Protein backbone atom coordinates (compact mmCIF):
# COMPACT_ATOMS: atom_id res chain seq x y z
CA UNK A 1 -3.18 -59.15 -27.31
CA UNK A 2 -0.30 -59.00 -24.56
CA UNK A 3 -0.17 -59.89 -21.24
CA UNK A 4 2.31 -57.80 -20.59
CA UNK A 5 0.22 -54.33 -22.32
CA UNK A 6 -2.99 -55.37 -20.56
CA UNK A 7 -0.78 -55.46 -16.99
CA UNK A 8 0.54 -52.13 -17.75
CA UNK A 9 -3.00 -50.84 -19.47
CA UNK A 10 -4.65 -51.79 -15.32
CA UNK A 11 -1.91 -50.54 -13.37
CA UNK A 12 -1.59 -46.91 -15.29
CA UNK A 13 -5.10 -47.04 -14.68
CA UNK A 14 -5.33 -47.88 -11.45
CA UNK A 15 -2.77 -45.80 -9.57
CA UNK A 16 -3.77 -42.81 -11.26
CA UNK A 17 -7.57 -43.65 -10.23
CA UNK A 18 -5.49 -43.85 -6.85
CA UNK A 19 -4.03 -40.80 -6.61
CA UNK A 20 -6.94 -38.68 -7.87
CA UNK A 21 -8.26 -40.25 -5.06
CA UNK A 22 -6.41 -39.55 -1.88
CA UNK A 23 -5.38 -35.89 -4.06
CA UNK A 24 -8.51 -35.14 -3.19
CA UNK A 25 -8.76 -36.46 -0.07
CA UNK A 26 -5.53 -33.78 0.72
CA UNK A 27 -8.35 -31.64 -0.70
CA UNK A 28 -10.75 -32.03 1.73
CA UNK A 29 -8.28 -32.44 4.22
CA UNK A 30 -6.81 -29.61 3.58
CA UNK A 31 -11.11 -27.27 3.81
CA UNK A 32 -11.27 -28.39 7.09
CA UNK A 33 -8.79 -27.86 8.19
CA UNK A 34 -9.40 -24.09 7.12
CA UNK A 35 -12.87 -23.55 8.00
CA UNK A 36 -11.58 -24.61 11.84
CA UNK A 37 -9.37 -21.30 11.48
CA UNK A 38 -11.67 -19.76 9.94
CA UNK A 39 -14.17 -20.35 12.57
CA UNK A 40 -12.02 -19.32 15.44
CA UNK A 41 -10.06 -16.49 13.96
CA UNK A 42 -14.45 -14.93 13.77
CA UNK A 43 -15.15 -16.59 17.62
CA UNK A 44 -10.90 -14.37 18.29
CA UNK A 45 -12.52 -10.72 16.84
CA UNK A 46 -15.58 -10.95 18.08
CA UNK A 47 -14.47 -11.37 21.17
CA UNK A 48 -11.99 -8.72 20.76
CA UNK A 49 -14.82 -6.56 19.49
CA UNK A 50 -16.27 -6.37 22.20
CA UNK A 51 -13.62 -5.84 24.41
CA UNK A 52 -12.96 -2.30 21.80
CA UNK A 53 -17.09 -1.83 23.10
CA UNK A 54 -16.20 -1.47 26.21
CA UNK A 55 -12.75 -0.07 26.20
CA UNK A 56 -14.73 3.01 24.49
CA UNK A 57 -17.68 3.57 27.02
CA UNK A 58 -14.79 3.95 29.32
CA UNK A 59 -13.28 6.14 27.54
CA UNK A 60 -15.75 8.09 27.00
CA UNK A 61 -17.85 8.39 30.26
CA UNK A 62 -18.02 11.86 31.88
CA UNK A 63 -16.50 10.29 34.75
CA UNK A 64 -13.17 9.48 33.23
CA UNK A 65 -13.16 12.57 31.58
CA UNK A 66 -13.16 14.50 34.81
CA UNK A 67 -10.82 11.83 36.65
CA UNK A 68 -8.00 12.88 33.88
CA UNK A 69 -8.83 17.12 34.69
CA UNK A 70 -7.84 16.00 37.80
CA UNK A 71 -4.95 13.75 37.40
CA UNK A 72 -3.50 16.30 35.56
CA UNK A 73 -3.55 19.51 37.86
CA UNK A 74 -2.71 17.72 40.11
CA UNK A 75 0.43 17.09 37.99
CA UNK A 76 0.72 20.86 37.70
CA UNK A 77 0.09 22.55 41.15
């Protein structure tokens, strides 16, 4: 087997292996980034749910309705 053929085969195989390793590295980095973004999104959603619960309590509170009625009477009177 001529040395040039052997060199071409070795370069091709090593190049293919290096490319596959690089591809896996890039996929891992993307996966880590997506997991971090998912975690941040989940934290933001939890905070928003808490705020919505507080707002619902305020709006459904009887004193809130009373204030609303008093304000509407002031506007019409």
